[in-house]
C-alpha atoms as a PDB file:
ATOM      1  CA  MET A   1      98.207 -60.004   1.654  1.00  0.00           C
ATOM      2  CA  VAL A   2      95.688 -58.146  -0.407  1.00  0.00           C
ATOM      3  CA  ALA A   3      95.565 -54.780  -2.084  1.00  0.00           C
ATOM      4  CA  TYR A   4      92.726 -52.339  -1.561  1.00  0.00           C
ATOM      5  CA  ALA A   5      91.298 -50.067  -4.233  1.00  0.00           C
ATOM      6  CA  VAL A   6      90.283 -46.782  -2.576  1.00  0.00           C
ATOM      7  CA  ILE A   7      88.008 -44.414  -4.528  1.00  0.00           C
ATOM      8  CA  ARG A   8      87.085 -40.926  -3.374  1.00  0.00           C
ATOM      9  CA  VAL A   9      83.318 -40.512  -3.633  1.00  0.00           C
ATOM     10  CA  ARG A  10      82.673 -37.193  -1.906  1.00  0.00           C
ATOM     11  CA  GLY A  11      84.368 -33.857  -2.440  1.00  0.00           C
ATOM     12  CA  GLN A  12      83.556 -31.349   0.222  1.00  0.00           C
ATOM     13  CA  PRO A  13      85.371 -28.076   0.966  1.00  0.00           C
ATOM     14  CA  ASP A  14      84.984 -28.180   4.757  1.00  0.00           C
ATOM     15  CA  VAL A  15      86.411 -31.633   5.468  1.00  0.00           C
ATOM     16  CA  SER A  16      88.185 -31.941   8.815  1.00  0.00           C
ATOM     17  CA  TYR A  17      91.969 -31.676   8.853  1.00  0.00           C
ATOM     18  CA  ASN A  18      92.574 -35.341   9.736  1.00  0.00           C
ATOM     19  CA  ILE A  19      90.383 -36.651   6.927  1.00  0.00           C
ATOM     20  CA  GLU A  20      91.791 -34.221   4.361  1.00  0.00           C
ATOM     21  CA  THR A  21      95.369 -35.081   5.341  1.00  0.00           C
ATOM     22  CA  THR A  22      94.705 -38.815   5.155  1.00  0.00           C
ATOM     23  CA  MET A  23      93.128 -38.504   1.700  1.00  0.00           C
ATOM     24  CA  HIS A  24      96.113 -36.395   0.614  1.00  0.00           C
ATOM     25  CA  LEU A  25      98.473 -39.159   1.830  1.00  0.00           C
ATOM     26  CA  PHE A  26      96.542 -41.635  -0.315  1.00  0.00           C
ATOM     27  CA  GLY A  27      96.721 -39.147  -3.229  1.00  0.00           C
ATOM     28  CA  LEU A  28      92.947 -38.789  -3.423  1.00  0.00           C
ATOM     29  CA  ASN A  29      92.706 -35.059  -4.067  1.00  0.00           C
ATOM     30  CA  ARG A  30      89.622 -35.162  -6.321  1.00  0.00           C
ATOM     31  CA  VAL A  31      86.357 -37.039  -6.627  1.00  0.00           C
ATOM     32  CA  ASN A  32      86.603 -40.279  -8.680  1.00  0.00           C
ATOM     33  CA  ASN A  33      90.341 -40.648  -8.057  1.00  0.00           C
ATOM     34  CA  CYS A  34      91.464 -44.183  -7.241  1.00  0.00           C
ATOM     35  CA  ALA A  35      94.545 -45.363  -5.347  1.00  0.00           C
ATOM     36  CA  ILE A  36      95.810 -48.904  -4.814  1.00  0.00           C
ATOM     37  CA  VAL A  37      96.851 -49.415  -1.182  1.00  0.00           C
ATOM     38  CA  PRO A  38      98.636 -52.529   0.159  1.00  0.00           C
ATOM     39  CA  GLU A  39      97.156 -54.133   3.258  1.00  0.00           C
ATOM     40  CA  SER A  40      98.819 -53.156   6.545  1.00  0.00           C
ATOM     41  CA  LEU A  41      97.717 -52.101  10.002  1.00  0.00           C
ATOM     42  CA  SER A  42      98.453 -48.438   9.270  1.00  0.00           C
ATOM     43  CA  SER A  43      96.560 -48.451   5.964  1.00  0.00           C
ATOM     44  CA  LYS A  44      93.558 -50.122   7.638  1.00  0.00           C
ATOM     45  CA  GLY A  45      93.537 -47.366  10.245  1.00  0.00           C
ATOM     46  CA  MET A  46      93.759 -44.720   7.535  1.00  0.00           C
ATOM     47  CA  LEU A  47      90.847 -46.339   5.686  1.00  0.00           C
ATOM     48  CA  GLN A  48      88.750 -46.103   8.861  1.00  0.00           C
ATOM     49  CA  VAL A  49      89.492 -42.352   9.001  1.00  0.00           C
ATOM     50  CA  VAL A  50      88.301 -41.716   5.407  1.00  0.00           C
ATOM     51  CA  LYS A  51      85.399 -44.215   5.323  1.00  0.00           C
ATOM     52  CA  ASP A  52      82.813 -41.401   5.254  1.00  0.00           C
ATOM     53  CA  TYR A  53      84.293 -39.878   2.082  1.00  0.00           C
ATOM     54  CA  CYS A  54      85.668 -42.893   0.196  1.00  0.00           C
ATOM     55  CA  THR A  55      84.740 -46.420  -0.738  1.00  0.00           C
ATOM     56  CA  TYR A  56      87.211 -49.300  -0.702  1.00  0.00           C
ATOM     57  CA  GLY A  57      87.546 -53.042  -1.064  1.00  0.00           C
ATOM     58  CA  GLU A  58      89.833 -55.854  -2.175  1.00  0.00           C
ATOM     59  CA  ILE A  59      90.690 -55.553  -5.863  1.00  0.00           C
ATOM     60  CA  ASP A  60      91.426 -58.648  -7.933  1.00  0.00           C
ATOM     61  CA  ALA A  61      94.262 -59.043 -10.443  1.00  0.00           C
ATOM     62  CA  GLU A  62      92.014 -58.989 -13.519  1.00  0.00           C
ATOM     63  CA  THR A  63      90.366 -55.689 -12.559  1.00  0.00           C
ATOM     64  CA  LEU A  64      93.695 -54.137 -11.564  1.00  0.00           C
ATOM     65  CA  ALA A  65      95.217 -55.113 -14.917  1.00  0.00           C
ATOM     66  CA  ALA A  66      92.262 -53.524 -16.753  1.00  0.00           C
ATOM     67  CA  LEU A  67      92.611 -50.409 -14.562  1.00  0.00           C
ATOM     68  CA  ILE A  68      96.329 -50.043 -15.306  1.00  0.00           C
ATOM     69  CA  ARG A  69      95.785 -50.714 -19.006  1.00  0.00           C
ATOM     70  CA  SER A  70      92.992 -48.182 -19.511  1.00  0.00           C
ATOM     71  CA  ARG A  71      93.688 -45.513 -16.864  1.00  0.00           C
ATOM     72  CA  GLY A  72      97.362 -45.957 -15.895  1.00  0.00           C
ATOM     73  CA  ARG A  73      99.550 -43.020 -16.850  1.00  0.00           C
ATOM     74  CA  ILE A  74     103.276 -42.355 -16.965  1.00  0.00           C
ATOM     75  CA  VAL A  75     104.681 -38.916 -16.190  1.00  0.00           C
ATOM     76  CA  GLY A  76     103.810 -36.782 -19.217  1.00  0.00           C
ATOM     77  CA  ASP A  77     100.270 -38.266 -19.385  1.00  0.00           C
ATOM     78  CA  VAL A  78     101.359 -41.178 -21.578  1.00  0.00           C
ATOM     79  CA  PRO A  79      99.364 -44.440 -21.285  1.00  0.00           C
ATOM     80  CA  VAL A  80     101.081 -47.465 -19.707  1.00  0.00           C
ATOM     81  CA  THR A  81     101.915 -50.308 -22.101  1.00  0.00           C
ATOM     82  CA  ASP A  82     103.217 -53.857 -21.712  1.00  0.00           C
ATOM     83  CA  ASP A  83     106.505 -52.699 -23.276  1.00  0.00           C
ATOM     84  CA  TYR A  84     106.947 -49.993 -20.624  1.00  0.00           C
ATOM     85  CA  VAL A  85     106.249 -52.467 -17.814  1.00  0.00           C
ATOM     86  CA  LYS A  86     108.709 -54.943 -19.349  1.00  0.00           C
ATOM     87  CA  GLU A  87     111.387 -52.250 -19.612  1.00  0.00           C
ATOM     88  CA  LYS A  88     110.999 -50.727 -16.121  1.00  0.00           C
ATOM     89  CA  THR A  89     110.194 -53.825 -14.025  1.00  0.00           C
ATOM     90  CA  GLU A  90     111.036 -57.525 -13.963  1.00  0.00           C
ATOM     91  CA  PHE A  91     107.510 -58.400 -15.125  1.00  0.00           C
ATOM     92  CA  ALA A  92     106.736 -59.350 -18.713  1.00  0.00           C
ATOM     93  CA  SER A  93     103.266 -57.799 -18.877  1.00  0.00           C
ATOM     94  CA  ILE A  94     100.693 -55.669 -17.076  1.00  0.00           C
ATOM     95  CA  ASP A  95      98.837 -58.859 -16.078  1.00  0.00           C
ATOM     96  CA  ALA A  96     101.909 -60.237 -14.263  1.00  0.00           C
ATOM     97  CA  LEU A  97     102.476 -56.872 -12.555  1.00  0.00           C
ATOM     98  CA  ALA A  98      98.840 -56.734 -11.396  1.00  0.00           C
ATOM     99  CA  ALA A  99      99.025 -60.285 -10.012  1.00  0.00           C
ATOM    100  CA  ALA A 100     102.174 -59.406  -8.028  1.00  0.00           C
ATOM    101  CA  ILE A 101     100.604 -56.207  -6.636  1.00  0.00           C
ATOM    102  CA  VAL A 102      97.465 -58.063  -5.501  1.00  0.00           C
ATOM    103  CA  ALA A 103      99.623 -60.787  -3.913  1.00  0.00           C
ATOM    104  CA  GLY A 104     101.553 -58.127  -1.986  1.00  0.00           C
ATOM    105  CA  GLU A 105     104.912 -58.943  -3.584  1.00  0.00           C
ATOM    106  CA  TYR A 106     105.254 -55.618  -5.405  1.00  0.00           C
ATOM    107  CA  LYS A 107     103.976 -52.076  -4.955  1.00  0.00           C
ATOM    108  CA  LEU A 108     102.598 -49.715  -7.555  1.00  0.00           C
ATOM    109  CA  LYS A 109     105.021 -47.003  -6.459  1.00  0.00           C
ATOM    110  CA  ASP A 110     107.986 -49.280  -7.321  1.00  0.00           C
ATOM    111  CA  VAL A 111     107.235 -48.867 -11.041  1.00  0.00           C
ATOM    112  CA  GLU A 112     109.430 -45.971 -12.108  1.00  0.00           C
ATOM    113  CA  GLY A 113     107.510 -43.050 -13.624  1.00  0.00           C
ATOM    114  CA  LEU A 114     104.037 -44.535 -13.066  1.00  0.00           C
ATOM    115  CA  LYS A 115     101.545 -42.134 -11.506  1.00  0.00           C
ATOM    116  CA  PRO A 116     100.127 -43.616  -8.285  1.00  0.00           C
ATOM    117  CA  VAL A 117      96.582 -42.284  -8.742  1.00  0.00           C
ATOM    118  CA  PHE A 118      94.085 -43.314 -11.413  1.00  0.00           C
ATOM    119  CA  ARG A 119      91.621 -40.696 -12.670  1.00  0.00           C
ATOM    120  CA  LEU A 120      88.341 -42.485 -13.325  1.00  0.00           C
ATOM    121  CA  HIS A 121      85.059 -41.566 -14.988  1.00  0.00           C
ATOM    122  CA  PRO A 122      81.952 -41.286 -12.820  1.00  0.00           C
ATOM    123  CA  PRO A 123      80.337 -44.734 -12.625  1.00  0.00           C
ATOM    124  CA  VAL A 124      77.794 -45.804 -15.225  1.00  0.00           C
ATOM    125  CA  ARG A 125      74.337 -45.586 -13.533  1.00  0.00           C
ATOM    126  CA  GLY A 126      75.920 -43.427 -10.822  1.00  0.00           C
ATOM    127  CA  TYR A 127      76.792 -44.065  -7.207  1.00  0.00           C
ATOM    128  CA  GLU A 128      74.250 -45.720  -4.941  1.00  0.00           C
ATOM    129  CA  GLY A 129      74.091 -42.534  -2.838  1.00  0.00           C
ATOM    130  CA  ASN A 130      77.041 -40.632  -1.462  1.00  0.00           C
ATOM    131  CA  LYS A 131      75.790 -40.030   2.083  1.00  0.00           C
ATOM    132  CA  ARG A 132      75.279 -43.551   3.433  1.00  0.00           C
ATOM    133  CA  ALA A 133      77.488 -46.544   4.050  1.00  0.00           C
ATOM    134  CA  PHE A 134      77.534 -49.350   1.487  1.00  0.00           C
ATOM    135  CA  ALA A 135      75.999 -51.716   4.052  1.00  0.00           C
ATOM    136  CA  ALA A 136      73.060 -49.303   4.429  1.00  0.00           C
ATOM    137  CA  GLY A 137      72.451 -49.013   0.680  1.00  0.00           C
ATOM    138  CA  GLY A 138      74.850 -46.160  -0.066  1.00  0.00           C
ATOM    139  CA  ALA A 139      78.275 -45.972  -1.672  1.00  0.00           C
ATOM    140  CA  LEU A 140      80.643 -45.144   1.204  1.00  0.00           C
ATOM    141  CA  GLY A 141      82.959 -47.318   3.265  1.00  0.00           C
ATOM    142  CA  TYR A 142      83.959 -50.940   2.896  1.00  0.00           C
ATOM    143  CA  ARG A 143      82.373 -52.949   0.074  1.00  0.00           C
ATOM    144  CA  GLY A 144      84.616 -56.013  -0.125  1.00  0.00           C
ATOM    145  CA  ASP A 145      85.104 -57.600  -3.541  1.00  0.00           C
ATOM    146  CA  LYS A 146      82.151 -55.629  -4.960  1.00  0.00           C
ATOM    147  CA  ILE A 147      84.686 -52.827  -5.550  1.00  0.00           C
ATOM    148  CA  ASN A 148      85.648 -54.706  -8.737  1.00  0.00           C
ATOM    149  CA  ALA A 149      82.199 -54.149 -10.257  1.00  0.00           C
ATOM    150  CA  LEU A 150      82.355 -50.444  -9.358  1.00  0.00           C
ATOM    151  CA  VAL A 151      85.822 -50.018 -10.889  1.00  0.00           C
ATOM    152  CA  LYS A 152      84.673 -51.736 -14.107  1.00  0.00           C
ATOM    153  CA  ARG A 153      81.700 -49.324 -14.261  1.00  0.00           C
ATOM    154  CA  MET A 154      84.134 -46.420 -13.954  1.00  0.00           C
ATOM    155  CA  LEU A 155      86.642 -47.413 -16.681  1.00  0.00           C
END
């Protein structure tokens, strides 16, 4: 099992209903929002629907821990701390929580009060181009483990 980081790259007002609904199900309502999605057949199908508006790839535990630490928020816009994670889950730290999420043993939504979407900055040095696939030199679609470098540029 792996976890995918999905980042919305394009924001367009006339997106088709299916794509808009799928992005809403992920919680990606704005550009530069990031959601962590566990691997399953349904999520892979949903990623294929939004591949022309989002970029995604397998996130590692180190990057996910940094993402939760710097951009994770509790209801009330309060930053997530190790103490909060220790109190609300069975994990001792954010690092242990991130490792469990990447391994597929735990889901982000199981943490009580944690917002499921991360609001990121635009990437340092910008996107590679928001109209072409990553394989063709752009920023859209599947990018594998290179998503970790993009997330670090956006923290």
